[in-house]
Amino acid sequence: MSRLHRISGRKMVKAPRKVGYKFDHQRSSHIVLRHTAPPHRRLAVPDHDELAKGTLRAIIRQAGLTVDEFRALT
């Protein structure tokens, strides 16, 4: 299993955008992205200075990416 470096929520948003997610809206401290093709998955990314490693892994998994694919995108 690959190690993840800690990143901010704003930096995390850039990787899913490269694989078809677009900004949908932001409510308070959460940025919501929506996939452009069906099944139109949604990702909620906290807009924090540093994401916890469990939160980061969960968002990567929900986006349908592996950790290695995510690291290649960042």
PDB file of N, CA and C in Angstrom:
ATOM      1  N   MET A   1       0.842  -1.164   0.000  1.00  0.00           N
ATOM      2  CA  MET A   1       0.000   0.000   0.000  1.00  0.00           C
ATOM      3  C   MET A   1       0.893   1.234   0.000  1.00  0.00           C
ATOM      4  N   SER A   2       0.589   2.181  -0.848  1.00  0.00           N
ATOM      5  CA  SER A   2       1.384   3.391  -0.975  1.00  0.00           C
ATOM      6  C   SER A   2       1.074   4.370   0.152  1.00  0.00           C
ATOM      7  N   ARG A   3       2.099   5.095   0.545  1.00  0.00           N
ATOM      8  CA  ARG A   3       1.916   6.131   1.550  1.00  0.00           C
ATOM      9  C   ARG A   3       1.380   7.401   0.885  1.00  0.00           C
ATOM     10  N   LEU A   4       0.525   8.080   1.596  1.00  0.00           N
ATOM     11  CA  LEU A   4      -0.034   9.338   1.118  1.00  0.00           C
ATOM     12  C   LEU A   4       0.569  10.494   1.893  1.00  0.00           C
ATOM     13  N   HIS A   5       0.901  11.552   1.204  1.00  0.00           N
ATOM     14  CA  HIS A   5       1.345  12.753   1.887  1.00  0.00           C
ATOM     15  C   HIS A   5       0.116  13.594   2.211  1.00  0.00           C
ATOM     16  N   ARG A   6       0.197  14.365   3.252  1.00  0.00           N
ATOM     17  CA  ARG A   6      -0.939  15.188   3.661  1.00  0.00           C
ATOM     18  C   ARG A   6      -1.060  16.377   2.719  1.00  0.00           C
ATOM     19  N   ILE A   7      -2.269  16.632   2.265  1.00  0.00           N
ATOM     20  CA  ILE A   7      -2.515  17.764   1.373  1.00  0.00           C
ATOM     21  C   ILE A   7      -3.756  18.512   1.831  1.00  0.00           C
ATOM     22  N   SER A   8      -3.949  19.694   1.289  1.00  0.00           N
ATOM     23  CA  SER A   8      -5.113  20.498   1.642  1.00  0.00           C
ATOM     24  C   SER A   8      -6.321  20.066   0.807  1.00  0.00           C
ATOM     25  N   GLY A   9      -7.478  20.497   1.223  1.00  0.00           N
ATOM     26  CA  GLY A   9      -8.700  20.187   0.482  1.00  0.00           C
ATOM     27  C   GLY A   9      -8.698  20.799  -0.906  1.00  0.00           C
ATOM     28  N   ARG A  10      -8.175  22.004  -1.031  1.00  0.00           N
ATOM     29  CA  ARG A  10      -8.118  22.682  -2.336  1.00  0.00           C
ATOM     30  C   ARG A  10      -7.212  21.930  -3.304  1.00  0.00           C
ATOM     31  N   LYS A  11      -6.104  21.401  -2.793  1.00  0.00           N
ATOM     32  CA  LYS A  11      -5.202  20.630  -3.647  1.00  0.00           C
ATOM     33  C   LYS A  11      -5.828  19.294  -4.024  1.00  0.00           C
ATOM     34  N   MET A  12      -6.588  18.711  -3.109  1.00  0.00           N
ATOM     35  CA  MET A  12      -7.249  17.429  -3.351  1.00  0.00           C
ATOM     36  C   MET A  12      -8.262  17.556  -4.479  1.00  0.00           C
ATOM     37  N   VAL A  13      -8.918  18.681  -4.602  1.00  0.00           N
ATOM     38  CA  VAL A  13      -9.961  18.900  -5.617  1.00  0.00           C
ATOM     39  C   VAL A  13      -9.379  18.833  -7.032  1.00  0.00           C
ATOM     40  N   LYS A  14      -8.130  19.178  -7.200  1.00  0.00           N
ATOM     41  CA  LYS A  14      -7.521  19.225  -8.531  1.00  0.00           C
ATOM     42  C   LYS A  14      -7.404  17.845  -9.181  1.00  0.00           C
ATOM     43  N   ALA A  15      -7.130  16.804  -8.412  1.00  0.00           N
ATOM     44  CA  ALA A  15      -6.946  15.458  -8.978  1.00  0.00           C
ATOM     45  C   ALA A  15      -8.231  14.889  -9.583  1.00  0.00           C
ATOM     46  N   PRO A  16      -9.376  14.895  -8.874  1.00  0.00           N
ATOM     47  CA  PRO A  16     -10.601  14.370  -9.492  1.00  0.00           C
ATOM     48  C   PRO A  16     -11.046  15.157 -10.724  1.00  0.00           C
ATOM     49  N   ARG A  17     -10.707  16.439 -10.783  1.00  0.00           N
ATOM     50  CA  ARG A  17     -11.066  17.236 -11.961  1.00  0.00           C
ATOM     51  C   ARG A  17     -10.393  16.701 -13.209  1.00  0.00           C
ATOM     52  N   LYS A  18      -9.234  16.101 -13.053  1.00  0.00           N
ATOM     53  CA  LYS A  18      -8.502  15.562 -14.198  1.00  0.00           C
ATOM     54  C   LYS A  18      -9.127  14.281 -14.747  1.00  0.00           C
ATOM     55  N   VAL A  19     -10.013  13.647 -13.971  1.00  0.00           N
ATOM     56  CA  VAL A  19     -10.658  12.409 -14.426  1.00  0.00           C
ATOM     57  C   VAL A  19     -12.163  12.562 -14.624  1.00  0.00           C
ATOM     58  N   GLY A  20     -12.628  13.804 -14.828  1.00  0.00           N
ATOM     59  CA  GLY A  20     -14.027  13.990 -15.212  1.00  0.00           C
ATOM     60  C   GLY A  20     -14.948  14.569 -14.167  1.00  0.00           C
ATOM     61  N   TYR A  21     -14.456  14.958 -13.002  1.00  0.00           N
ATOM     62  CA  TYR A  21     -15.301  15.591 -11.991  1.00  0.00           C
ATOM     63  C   TYR A  21     -15.274  17.100 -12.197  1.00  0.00           C
ATOM     64  N   LYS A  22     -16.402  17.744 -11.991  1.00  0.00           N
ATOM     65  CA  LYS A  22     -16.510  19.197 -12.119  1.00  0.00           C
ATOM     66  C   LYS A  22     -17.064  19.772 -10.817  1.00  0.00           C
ATOM     67  N   PHE A  23     -16.729  21.019 -10.573  1.00  0.00           N
ATOM     68  CA  PHE A  23     -17.242  21.717  -9.397  1.00  0.00           C
ATOM     69  C   PHE A  23     -18.760  21.810  -9.509  1.00  0.00           C
ATOM     70  N   ASP A  24     -19.461  21.397  -8.463  1.00  0.00           N
ATOM     71  CA  ASP A  24     -20.925  21.490  -8.442  1.00  0.00           C
ATOM     72  C   ASP A  24     -21.346  22.671  -7.574  1.00  0.00           C
ATOM     73  N   HIS A  25     -20.957  22.649  -6.306  1.00  0.00           N
ATOM     74  CA  HIS A  25     -21.246  23.764  -5.414  1.00  0.00           C
ATOM     75  C   HIS A  25     -20.388  23.651  -4.164  1.00  0.00           C
ATOM     76  N   GLN A  26     -20.437  24.698  -3.358  1.00  0.00           N
ATOM     77  CA  GLN A  26     -19.746  24.677  -2.072  1.00  0.00           C
ATOM     78  C   GLN A  26     -20.713  25.148  -1.010  1.00  0.00           C
ATOM     79  N   ARG A  27     -20.789  24.362   0.042  1.00  0.00           N
ATOM     80  CA  ARG A  27     -21.629  24.744   1.167  1.00  0.00           C
ATOM     81  C   ARG A  27     -20.737  24.754   2.399  1.00  0.00           C
ATOM     82  N   SER A  28     -20.600  25.903   2.973  1.00  0.00           N
ATOM     83  CA  SER A  28     -19.767  26.082   4.149  1.00  0.00           C
ATOM     84  C   SER A  28     -18.336  25.651   3.836  1.00  0.00           C
ATOM     85  N   SER A  29     -17.819  24.653   4.536  1.00  0.00           N
ATOM     86  CA  SER A  29     -16.424  24.261   4.341  1.00  0.00           C
ATOM     87  C   SER A  29     -16.274  23.009   3.487  1.00  0.00           C
ATOM     88  N   HIS A  30     -17.287  22.630   2.728  1.00  0.00           N
ATOM     89  CA  HIS A  30     -17.197  21.438   1.891  1.00  0.00           C
ATOM     90  C   HIS A  30     -17.414  21.788   0.419  1.00  0.00           C
ATOM     91  N   ILE A  31     -16.470  21.340  -0.407  1.00  0.00           N
ATOM     92  CA  ILE A  31     -16.551  21.527  -1.851  1.00  0.00           C
ATOM     93  C   ILE A  31     -17.169  20.261  -2.433  1.00  0.00           C
ATOM     94  N   VAL A  32     -18.218  20.395  -3.209  1.00  0.00           N
ATOM     95  CA  VAL A  32     -18.894  19.232  -3.780  1.00  0.00           C
ATOM     96  C   VAL A  32     -18.575  19.170  -5.272  1.00  0.00           C
ATOM     97  N   LEU A  33     -18.053  18.018  -5.696  1.00  0.00           N
ATOM     98  CA  LEU A  33     -17.735  17.765  -7.096  1.00  0.00           C
ATOM     99  C   LEU A  33     -18.718  16.741  -7.629  1.00  0.00           C
ATOM    100  N   ARG A  34     -19.019  16.826  -8.911  1.00  0.00           N
ATOM    101  CA  ARG A  34     -19.941  15.869  -9.532  1.00  0.00           C
ATOM    102  C   ARG A  34     -19.313  15.329 -10.800  1.00  0.00           C
ATOM    103  N   HIS A  35     -19.416  14.017 -11.006  1.00  0.00           N
ATOM    104  CA  HIS A  35     -18.868  13.383 -12.196  1.00  0.00           C
ATOM    105  C   HIS A  35     -19.756  13.728 -13.381  1.00  0.00           C
ATOM    106  N   THR A  36     -19.135  14.024 -14.516  1.00  0.00           N
ATOM    107  CA  THR A  36     -19.903  14.465 -15.675  1.00  0.00           C
ATOM    108  C   THR A  36     -20.629  13.344 -16.392  1.00  0.00           C
ATOM    109  N   ALA A  37     -20.124  12.122 -16.310  1.00  0.00           N
ATOM    110  CA  ALA A  37     -20.749  10.978 -16.994  1.00  0.00           C
ATOM    111  C   ALA A  37     -21.526  10.133 -15.982  1.00  0.00           C
ATOM    112  N   PRO A  38     -22.525   9.401 -16.444  1.00  0.00           N
ATOM    113  CA  PRO A  38     -23.261   8.522 -15.518  1.00  0.00           C
ATOM    114  C   PRO A  38     -22.303   7.572 -14.830  1.00  0.00           C
ATOM    115  N   PRO A  39     -22.495   7.247 -13.607  1.00  0.00           N
ATOM    116  CA  PRO A  39     -23.640   7.436 -12.726  1.00  0.00           C
ATOM    117  C   PRO A  39     -23.632   8.745 -11.949  1.00  0.00           C
ATOM    118  N   HIS A  40     -22.925   9.760 -12.388  1.00  0.00           N
ATOM    119  CA  HIS A  40     -22.906  11.089 -11.765  1.00  0.00           C
ATOM    120  C   HIS A  40     -22.602  11.040 -10.269  1.00  0.00           C
ATOM    121  N   ARG A  41     -21.507  10.393  -9.930  1.00  0.00           N
ATOM    122  CA  ARG A  41     -21.087  10.326  -8.521  1.00  0.00           C
ATOM    123  C   ARG A  41     -20.797  11.724  -7.994  1.00  0.00           C
ATOM    124  N   ARG A  42     -20.952  11.891  -6.695  1.00  0.00           N
ATOM    125  CA  ARG A  42     -20.633  13.152  -6.033  1.00  0.00           C
ATOM    126  C   ARG A  42     -19.552  12.908  -4.999  1.00  0.00           C
ATOM    127  N   LEU A  43     -18.669  13.862  -4.879  1.00  0.00           N
ATOM    128  CA  LEU A  43     -17.623  13.831  -3.867  1.00  0.00           C
ATOM    129  C   LEU A  43     -17.735  15.088  -3.020  1.00  0.00           C
ATOM    130  N   ALA A  44     -17.668  14.935  -1.730  1.00  0.00           N
ATOM    131  CA  ALA A  44     -17.643  16.077  -0.815  1.00  0.00           C
ATOM    132  C   ALA A  44     -16.239  16.140  -0.216  1.00  0.00           C
ATOM    133  N   VAL A  45     -15.542  17.229  -0.520  1.00  0.00           N
ATOM    134  CA  VAL A  45     -14.167  17.395  -0.062  1.00  0.00           C
ATOM    135  C   VAL A  45     -14.129  18.542   0.945  1.00  0.00           C
ATOM    136  N   PRO A  46     -13.688  18.262   2.187  1.00  0.00           N
ATOM    137  CA  PRO A  46     -13.583  19.347   3.171  1.00  0.00           C
ATOM    138  C   PRO A  46     -12.529  20.362   2.734  1.00  0.00           C
ATOM    139  N   ASP A  47     -12.848  21.629   2.853  1.00  0.00           N
ATOM    140  CA  ASP A  47     -11.924  22.694   2.479  1.00  0.00           C
ATOM    141  C   ASP A  47     -11.064  23.047   3.699  1.00  0.00           C
ATOM    142  N   HIS A  48     -10.235  22.102   4.119  1.00  0.00           N
ATOM    143  CA  HIS A  48      -9.369  22.275   5.278  1.00  0.00           C
ATOM    144  C   HIS A  48      -7.928  22.455   4.825  1.00  0.00           C
ATOM    145  N   ASP A  49      -7.107  22.983   5.715  1.00  0.00           N
ATOM    146  CA  ASP A  49      -5.689  23.170   5.400  1.00  0.00           C
ATOM    147  C   ASP A  49      -4.969  21.836   5.241  1.00  0.00           C
ATOM    148  N   GLU A  50      -5.406  20.831   5.981  1.00  0.00           N
ATOM    149  CA  GLU A  50      -4.789  19.513   5.916  1.00  0.00           C
ATOM    150  C   GLU A  50      -5.855  18.446   6.140  1.00  0.00           C
ATOM    151  N   LEU A  51      -5.978  17.515   5.187  1.00  0.00           N
ATOM    152  CA  LEU A  51      -6.965  16.442   5.313  1.00  0.00           C
ATOM    153  C   LEU A  51      -6.374  15.285   6.107  1.00  0.00           C
ATOM    154  N   ALA A  52      -7.178  14.674   6.942  1.00  0.00           N
ATOM    155  CA  ALA A  52      -6.750  13.491   7.666  1.00  0.00           C
ATOM    156  C   ALA A  52      -6.536  12.350   6.673  1.00  0.00           C
ATOM    157  N   LYS A  53      -5.615  11.444   6.971  1.00  0.00           N
ATOM    158  CA  LYS A  53      -5.284  10.395   6.008  1.00  0.00           C
ATOM    159  C   LYS A  53      -6.471   9.470   5.735  1.00  0.00           C
ATOM    160  N   GLY A  54      -7.304   9.209   6.730  1.00  0.00           N
ATOM    161  CA  GLY A  54      -8.482   8.374   6.518  1.00  0.00           C
ATOM    162  C   GLY A  54      -9.501   9.049   5.624  1.00  0.00           C
ATOM    163  N   THR A  55      -9.683  10.342   5.801  1.00  0.00           N
ATOM    164  CA  THR A  55     -10.596  11.116   4.966  1.00  0.00           C
ATOM    165  C   THR A  55     -10.103  11.145   3.530  1.00  0.00           C
ATOM    166  N   LEU A  56      -8.805  11.351   3.362  1.00  0.00           N
ATOM    167  CA  LEU A  56      -8.208  11.383   2.033  1.00  0.00           C
ATOM    168  C   LEU A  56      -8.385  10.047   1.316  1.00  0.00           C
ATOM    169  N   ARG A  57      -8.107   8.951   2.007  1.00  0.00           N
ATOM    170  CA  ARG A  57      -8.286   7.616   1.409  1.00  0.00           C
ATOM    171  C   ARG A  57      -9.745   7.349   1.050  1.00  0.00           C
ATOM    172  N   ALA A  58     -10.668   7.797   1.884  1.00  0.00           N
ATOM    173  CA  ALA A  58     -12.095   7.589   1.617  1.00  0.00           C
ATOM    174  C   ALA A  58     -12.529   8.346   0.364  1.00  0.00           C
ATOM    175  N   ILE A  59     -12.056   9.570   0.212  1.00  0.00           N
ATOM    176  CA  ILE A  59     -12.417  10.364  -0.966  1.00  0.00           C
ATOM    177  C   ILE A  59     -11.834   9.728  -2.223  1.00  0.00           C
ATOM    178  N   ILE A  60     -10.604   9.242  -2.140  1.00  0.00           N
ATOM    179  CA  ILE A  60      -9.972   8.574  -3.283  1.00  0.00           C
ATOM    180  C   ILE A  60     -10.774   7.336  -3.678  1.00  0.00           C
ATOM    181  N   ARG A  61     -11.194   6.562  -2.706  1.00  0.00           N
ATOM    182  CA  ARG A  61     -11.977   5.352  -2.962  1.00  0.00           C
ATOM    183  C   ARG A  61     -13.335   5.698  -3.573  1.00  0.00           C
ATOM    184  N   GLN A  62     -13.993   6.737  -3.065  1.00  0.00           N
ATOM    185  CA  GLN A  62     -15.297   7.152  -3.589  1.00  0.00           C
ATOM    186  C   GLN A  62     -15.187   7.661  -5.021  1.00  0.00           C
ATOM    187  N   ALA A  63     -14.033   8.218  -5.366  1.00  0.00           N
ATOM    188  CA  ALA A  63     -13.821   8.717  -6.729  1.00  0.00           C
ATOM    189  C   ALA A  63     -13.546   7.583  -7.707  1.00  0.00           C
ATOM    190  N   GLY A  64     -13.351   6.375  -7.199  1.00  0.00           N
ATOM    191  CA  GLY A  64     -13.083   5.230  -8.067  1.00  0.00           C
ATOM    192  C   GLY A  64     -11.629   5.148  -8.490  1.00  0.00           C
ATOM    193  N   LEU A  65     -10.733   5.733  -7.696  1.00  0.00           N
ATOM    194  CA  LEU A  65      -9.309   5.726  -8.001  1.00  0.00           C
ATOM    195  C   LEU A  65      -8.552   4.857  -7.004  1.00  0.00           C
ATOM    196  N   THR A  66      -7.378   4.429  -7.397  1.00  0.00           N
ATOM    197  CA  THR A  66      -6.466   3.781  -6.462  1.00  0.00           C
ATOM    198  C   THR A  66      -5.525   4.856  -5.939  1.00  0.00           C
ATOM    199  N   VAL A  67      -4.818   4.543  -4.873  1.00  0.00           N
ATOM    200  CA  VAL A  67      -3.877   5.501  -4.301  1.00  0.00           C
ATOM    201  C   VAL A  67      -2.792   5.839  -5.313  1.00  0.00           C
ATOM    202  N   ASP A  68      -2.310   4.840  -6.048  1.00  0.00           N
ATOM    203  CA  ASP A  68      -1.262   5.080  -7.048  1.00  0.00           C
ATOM    204  C   ASP A  68      -1.764   5.970  -8.185  1.00  0.00           C
ATOM    205  N   GLU A  69      -3.005   5.765  -8.627  1.00  0.00           N
ATOM    206  CA  GLU A  69      -3.585   6.618  -9.665  1.00  0.00           C
ATOM    207  C   GLU A  69      -3.718   8.055  -9.169  1.00  0.00           C
ATOM    208  N   PHE A  70      -4.126   8.197  -7.910  1.00  0.00           N
ATOM    209  CA  PHE A  70      -4.262   9.527  -7.317  1.00  0.00           C
ATOM    210  C   PHE A  70      -2.915  10.223  -7.257  1.00  0.00           C
ATOM    211  N   ARG A  71      -1.895   9.504  -6.813  1.00  0.00           N
ATOM    212  CA  ARG A  71      -0.550  10.102  -6.708  1.00  0.00           C
ATOM    213  C   ARG A  71      -0.039  10.535  -8.085  1.00  0.00           C
ATOM    214  N   ALA A  72      -0.382   9.796  -9.124  1.00  0.00           N
ATOM    215  CA  ALA A  72       0.042  10.166 -10.473  1.00  0.00           C
ATOM    216  C   ALA A  72      -0.653  11.459 -10.944  1.00  0.00           C
ATOM    217  N   LEU A  73      -1.860  11.706 -10.449  1.00  0.00           N
ATOM    218  CA  LEU A  73      -2.616  12.889 -10.842  1.00  0.00           C
ATOM    219  C   LEU A  73      -2.189  14.146 -10.094  1.00  0.00           C
ATOM    220  N   THR A  74      -1.594  13.979  -8.910  1.00  0.00           N
ATOM    221  CA  THR A  74      -1.208  15.170  -8.119  1.00  0.00           C
ATOM    222  C   THR A  74       0.196  15.602  -8.428  1.00  0.00           C
TER     223      THR A  74
END
